[in-house]
Amino acid sequence: MEDALRLYRDALGLVVQGGVNSTWTVVAAPGGSLTLYRKKSPIPCVRSGGGTPVDLHVANFEEAAAAVERAGYEVERRDAHGGSVRDPWGNLVGLHDHRED
């Protein structure tokens, strides 16, 4: 769970709801939440063709991407406003903003 929290809480800034549990922990942002659930043999969450059903809105994609990279994760940039990162188990997490250039 600590590996998951390093990305979702520490790098992406999601807030733990109700405390950390070794089996499952809920992290949230305004408008939604994710349950981080430990499984023996996880199957990564990635759509065929490389897309993801998990797409997080951030205020500024470049700032969020820089924070994620400082935490040791690789960000695949699609453009100046979006991209994705893989969590330690291979789940693809999209990040995007709606800023105007």
N, C-alpha and C. Protein backbone atom coordinates (compact mmCIF):
# COMPACT_ATOMS: atom_id res chain seq x y z
N MET A 1 0.83 -1.20 0.00
CA MET A 1 0.00 0.00 0.00
C MET A 1 0.87 1.25 0.00
N GLU A 2 2.00 1.20 0.65
CA GLU A 2 2.87 2.38 0.67
C GLU A 2 3.36 2.73 -0.73
N ASP A 3 3.63 1.72 -1.58
CA ASP A 3 4.03 2.00 -2.96
C ASP A 3 2.92 2.74 -3.69
N ALA A 4 1.68 2.30 -3.50
CA ALA A 4 0.54 2.96 -4.15
C ALA A 4 0.40 4.38 -3.65
N LEU A 5 0.55 4.59 -2.36
CA LEU A 5 0.37 5.92 -1.78
C LEU A 5 1.46 6.90 -2.22
N ARG A 6 2.67 6.38 -2.51
CA ARG A 6 3.73 7.26 -3.01
C ARG A 6 3.31 7.94 -4.31
N LEU A 7 2.57 7.23 -5.15
CA LEU A 7 2.11 7.85 -6.39
C LEU A 7 0.82 8.63 -6.18
N TYR A 8 -0.21 7.95 -5.70
CA TYR A 8 -1.54 8.56 -5.66
C TYR A 8 -1.67 9.68 -4.62
N ARG A 9 -1.07 9.52 -3.47
CA ARG A 9 -1.16 10.55 -2.42
C ARG A 9 -0.01 11.55 -2.55
N ASP A 10 1.22 11.04 -2.53
CA ASP A 10 2.38 11.93 -2.45
C ASP A 10 2.66 12.68 -3.75
N ALA A 11 2.61 12.00 -4.89
CA ALA A 11 2.94 12.65 -6.16
C ALA A 11 1.72 13.33 -6.79
N LEU A 12 0.56 12.66 -6.76
CA LEU A 12 -0.62 13.22 -7.41
C LEU A 12 -1.48 14.08 -6.49
N GLY A 13 -1.25 14.01 -5.19
CA GLY A 13 -1.95 14.88 -4.26
C GLY A 13 -3.35 14.45 -3.85
N LEU A 14 -3.72 13.19 -4.13
CA LEU A 14 -5.02 12.71 -3.67
C LEU A 14 -4.99 12.57 -2.15
N VAL A 15 -6.13 12.71 -1.51
CA VAL A 15 -6.23 12.71 -0.05
C VAL A 15 -6.78 11.37 0.43
N VAL A 16 -6.11 10.79 1.43
CA VAL A 16 -6.58 9.52 2.01
C VAL A 16 -7.86 9.78 2.79
N GLN A 17 -8.87 8.97 2.54
CA GLN A 17 -10.15 9.05 3.22
C GLN A 17 -10.26 7.90 4.22
N GLY A 18 -10.42 8.17 5.49
CA GLY A 18 -10.66 7.12 6.47
C GLY A 18 -9.46 6.33 6.92
N GLY A 19 -8.27 6.74 6.61
CA GLY A 19 -7.08 6.05 7.09
C GLY A 19 -6.53 5.04 6.09
N VAL A 20 -5.28 4.64 6.33
CA VAL A 20 -4.59 3.69 5.46
C VAL A 20 -4.78 2.29 6.01
N ASN A 21 -5.13 1.38 5.12
CA ASN A 21 -5.31 -0.03 5.47
C ASN A 21 -4.39 -0.82 4.55
N SER A 22 -3.80 -1.91 5.03
CA SER A 22 -2.87 -2.67 4.20
C SER A 22 -3.55 -3.40 3.04
N THR A 23 -4.86 -3.61 3.10
CA THR A 23 -5.58 -4.30 2.03
C THR A 23 -6.25 -3.33 1.08
N TRP A 24 -6.88 -2.28 1.60
CA TRP A 24 -7.52 -1.29 0.74
C TRP A 24 -7.49 0.08 1.40
N THR A 25 -7.36 1.09 0.57
CA THR A 25 -7.33 2.47 1.04
C THR A 25 -8.03 3.33 -0.01
N VAL A 26 -8.87 4.24 0.44
CA VAL A 26 -9.58 5.14 -0.47
C VAL A 26 -8.83 6.46 -0.52
N VAL A 27 -8.56 6.93 -1.76
CA VAL A 27 -7.96 8.24 -1.97
C VAL A 27 -8.95 9.06 -2.78
N ALA A 28 -9.00 10.36 -2.53
CA ALA A 28 -10.02 11.18 -3.16
C ALA A 28 -9.49 12.54 -3.59
N ALA A 29 -10.21 13.10 -4.54
CA ALA A 29 -10.01 14.47 -5.00
C ALA A 29 -11.41 15.05 -5.17
N PRO A 30 -11.54 16.35 -5.29
CA PRO A 30 -12.88 16.91 -5.51
C PRO A 30 -13.54 16.23 -6.71
N GLY A 31 -14.73 15.73 -6.50
CA GLY A 31 -15.47 15.10 -7.59
C GLY A 31 -15.35 13.61 -7.71
N GLY A 32 -14.50 12.96 -6.91
CA GLY A 32 -14.41 11.51 -7.04
C GLY A 32 -13.38 10.88 -6.13
N SER A 33 -13.38 9.56 -6.14
CA SER A 33 -12.42 8.82 -5.32
C SER A 33 -12.01 7.53 -6.02
N LEU A 34 -10.90 6.99 -5.59
CA LEU A 34 -10.38 5.71 -6.06
C LEU A 34 -10.15 4.82 -4.86
N THR A 35 -10.44 3.55 -5.00
CA THR A 35 -10.09 2.59 -3.96
C THR A 35 -8.86 1.84 -4.42
N LEU A 36 -7.79 1.94 -3.65
CA LEU A 36 -6.56 1.19 -3.92
C LEU A 36 -6.70 -0.13 -3.20
N TYR A 37 -6.77 -1.21 -3.97
CA TYR A 37 -7.08 -2.52 -3.40
C TYR A 37 -5.95 -3.49 -3.72
N ARG A 38 -5.40 -4.13 -2.70
CA ARG A 38 -4.30 -5.08 -2.88
C ARG A 38 -4.85 -6.42 -3.34
N LYS A 39 -4.25 -6.95 -4.41
CA LYS A 39 -4.61 -8.26 -4.94
C LYS A 39 -3.36 -9.10 -5.08
N LYS A 40 -3.51 -10.43 -4.97
CA LYS A 40 -2.36 -11.31 -5.13
C LYS A 40 -1.77 -11.23 -6.52
N SER A 41 -2.60 -11.29 -7.53
CA SER A 41 -2.15 -11.26 -8.93
C SER A 41 -2.91 -10.17 -9.68
N PRO A 42 -2.48 -8.92 -9.53
CA PRO A 42 -3.23 -7.84 -10.17
C PRO A 42 -3.14 -7.91 -11.69
N ILE A 43 -4.23 -7.54 -12.33
CA ILE A 43 -4.27 -7.40 -13.79
C ILE A 43 -4.33 -5.90 -14.07
N PRO A 44 -3.32 -5.37 -14.76
CA PRO A 44 -3.30 -3.92 -14.99
C PRO A 44 -4.54 -3.41 -15.69
N CYS A 45 -4.97 -2.23 -15.28
CA CYS A 45 -6.13 -1.56 -15.85
C CYS A 45 -5.66 -0.70 -17.02
N VAL A 46 -5.79 -1.27 -18.23
CA VAL A 46 -5.42 -0.58 -19.46
C VAL A 46 -6.39 -1.03 -20.53
N ARG A 47 -6.98 -0.10 -21.24
CA ARG A 47 -7.88 -0.46 -22.34
C ARG A 47 -7.07 -0.93 -23.54
N SER A 48 -7.67 -1.76 -24.37
CA SER A 48 -6.99 -2.18 -25.60
C SER A 48 -6.65 -0.94 -26.40
N GLY A 49 -5.49 -0.94 -26.98
CA GLY A 49 -5.04 0.24 -27.71
C GLY A 49 -4.29 1.22 -26.81
N GLY A 50 -4.19 0.93 -25.52
CA GLY A 50 -3.39 1.75 -24.61
C GLY A 50 -4.11 2.82 -23.85
N GLY A 51 -5.42 2.96 -24.02
CA GLY A 51 -6.16 3.97 -23.27
C GLY A 51 -6.41 3.54 -21.84
N THR A 52 -7.01 4.42 -21.07
CA THR A 52 -7.29 4.13 -19.68
C THR A 52 -8.68 4.63 -19.27
N PRO A 53 -9.37 3.86 -18.44
CA PRO A 53 -10.63 4.36 -17.90
C PRO A 53 -10.42 5.30 -16.71
N VAL A 54 -9.18 5.44 -16.25
CA VAL A 54 -8.86 6.30 -15.12
C VAL A 54 -8.14 7.53 -15.66
N ASP A 55 -8.86 8.64 -15.72
CA ASP A 55 -8.31 9.88 -16.28
C ASP A 55 -8.56 10.99 -15.27
N LEU A 56 -7.50 11.51 -14.69
CA LEU A 56 -7.61 12.51 -13.64
C LEU A 56 -7.44 13.91 -14.19
N HIS A 57 -8.36 14.80 -13.83
CA HIS A 57 -8.23 16.21 -14.20
C HIS A 57 -7.31 16.88 -13.20
N VAL A 58 -6.33 17.61 -13.70
CA VAL A 58 -5.40 18.35 -12.84
C VAL A 58 -5.46 19.82 -13.25
N ALA A 59 -5.09 20.71 -12.35
CA ALA A 59 -5.14 22.14 -12.66
C ALA A 59 -4.14 22.51 -13.76
N ASN A 60 -2.96 21.90 -13.72
CA ASN A 60 -1.92 22.20 -14.69
C ASN A 60 -1.17 20.91 -14.98
N PHE A 61 -1.31 20.39 -16.19
CA PHE A 61 -0.69 19.11 -16.53
C PHE A 61 0.82 19.15 -16.37
N GLU A 62 1.48 20.18 -16.87
CA GLU A 62 2.95 20.21 -16.79
C GLU A 62 3.44 20.21 -15.35
N GLU A 63 2.76 20.93 -14.46
CA GLU A 63 3.14 20.92 -13.04
C GLU A 63 2.90 19.55 -12.42
N ALA A 64 1.77 18.92 -12.75
CA ALA A 64 1.47 17.59 -12.22
C ALA A 64 2.48 16.58 -12.76
N ALA A 65 2.80 16.65 -14.05
CA ALA A 65 3.76 15.73 -14.65
C ALA A 65 5.13 15.89 -14.00
N ALA A 66 5.54 17.12 -13.74
CA ALA A 66 6.84 17.36 -13.10
C ALA A 66 6.87 16.76 -11.69
N ALA A 67 5.79 16.88 -10.93
CA ALA A 67 5.73 16.31 -9.58
C ALA A 67 5.81 14.78 -9.65
N VAL A 68 5.12 14.19 -10.60
CA VAL A 68 5.14 12.74 -10.76
C VAL A 68 6.55 12.27 -11.16
N GLU A 69 7.20 13.01 -12.05
CA GLU A 69 8.56 12.65 -12.45
C GLU A 69 9.56 12.81 -11.31
N ARG A 70 9.40 13.86 -10.50
CA ARG A 70 10.27 14.03 -9.33
C ARG A 70 10.13 12.86 -8.36
N ALA A 71 8.95 12.25 -8.34
CA ALA A 71 8.71 11.10 -7.46
C ALA A 71 9.26 9.81 -8.06
N GLY A 72 9.82 9.89 -9.27
CA GLY A 72 10.47 8.73 -9.87
C GLY A 72 9.66 7.96 -10.90
N TYR A 73 8.54 8.53 -11.34
CA TYR A 73 7.70 7.87 -12.34
C TYR A 73 7.91 8.53 -13.69
N GLU A 74 7.73 7.74 -14.75
CA GLU A 74 7.85 8.26 -16.11
C GLU A 74 6.47 8.68 -16.61
N VAL A 75 6.40 9.88 -17.15
CA VAL A 75 5.15 10.39 -17.71
C VAL A 75 5.25 10.35 -19.22
N GLU A 76 4.26 9.75 -19.86
CA GLU A 76 4.16 9.77 -21.31
C GLU A 76 3.31 10.98 -21.69
N ARG A 77 3.93 11.96 -22.31
CA ARG A 77 3.20 13.19 -22.66
C ARG A 77 2.53 13.02 -24.02
N ARG A 78 1.24 13.26 -24.07
CA ARG A 78 0.48 13.25 -25.31
C ARG A 78 0.61 14.61 -26.00
N ASP A 79 0.54 15.66 -25.19
CA ASP A 79 0.70 17.04 -25.64
C ASP A 79 0.92 17.90 -24.40
N ALA A 80 0.83 19.21 -24.53
CA ALA A 80 1.08 20.11 -23.40
C ALA A 80 0.00 20.05 -22.33
N HIS A 81 -1.10 19.37 -22.61
CA HIS A 81 -2.22 19.35 -21.68
C HIS A 81 -2.62 17.96 -21.20
N GLY A 82 -1.87 16.94 -21.60
CA GLY A 82 -2.27 15.61 -21.15
C GLY A 82 -1.24 14.55 -21.43
N GLY A 83 -1.40 13.46 -20.72
CA GLY A 83 -0.52 12.31 -20.87
C GLY A 83 -0.94 11.25 -19.89
N SER A 84 -0.01 10.34 -19.59
CA SER A 84 -0.35 9.26 -18.67
C SER A 84 0.89 8.78 -17.92
N VAL A 85 0.63 8.07 -16.85
CA VAL A 85 1.67 7.47 -16.02
C VAL A 85 1.20 6.07 -15.64
N ARG A 86 2.13 5.14 -15.51
CA ARG A 86 1.79 3.80 -15.04
C ARG A 86 2.13 3.71 -13.56
N ASP A 87 1.19 3.15 -12.80
CA ASP A 87 1.49 2.96 -11.38
C ASP A 87 2.38 1.72 -11.23
N PRO A 88 2.84 1.40 -10.02
CA PRO A 88 3.78 0.29 -9.84
C PRO A 88 3.25 -1.07 -10.31
N TRP A 89 1.96 -1.20 -10.56
CA TRP A 89 1.38 -2.49 -10.98
C TRP A 89 0.97 -2.49 -12.44
N GLY A 90 1.31 -1.43 -13.17
CA GLY A 90 1.02 -1.37 -14.58
C GLY A 90 -0.29 -0.71 -14.95
N ASN A 91 -1.06 -0.25 -13.96
CA ASN A 91 -2.30 0.47 -14.26
C ASN A 91 -1.96 1.79 -14.94
N LEU A 92 -2.62 2.08 -16.04
CA LEU A 92 -2.39 3.32 -16.76
C LEU A 92 -3.34 4.38 -16.21
N VAL A 93 -2.77 5.51 -15.77
CA VAL A 93 -3.55 6.60 -15.21
C VAL A 93 -3.34 7.84 -16.08
N GLY A 94 -4.44 8.32 -16.66
CA GLY A 94 -4.36 9.52 -17.49
C GLY A 94 -4.40 10.77 -16.64
N LEU A 95 -3.72 11.80 -17.11
CA LEU A 95 -3.71 13.12 -16.47
C LEU A 95 -3.98 14.15 -17.56
N HIS A 96 -4.83 15.12 -17.28
CA HIS A 96 -5.09 16.16 -18.27
C HIS A 96 -5.57 17.44 -17.59
N ASP A 97 -5.39 18.55 -18.31
CA ASP A 97 -5.94 19.82 -17.84
C ASP A 97 -6.77 20.44 -18.96
N HIS A 98 -7.43 21.54 -18.66
CA HIS A 98 -8.24 22.24 -19.64
C HIS A 98 -7.79 23.68 -19.81
N ARG A 99 -6.49 23.89 -19.60
CA ARG A 99 -5.95 25.24 -19.74
C ARG A 99 -5.95 25.64 -21.22
N GLU A 100 -6.04 26.93 -21.44
CA GLU A 100 -5.90 27.50 -22.80
C GLU A 100 -4.46 27.93 -22.96
N ASP A 101 -3.88 27.70 -24.11
CA ASP A 101 -2.49 28.16 -24.35
C ASP A 101 -2.45 29.63 -24.62
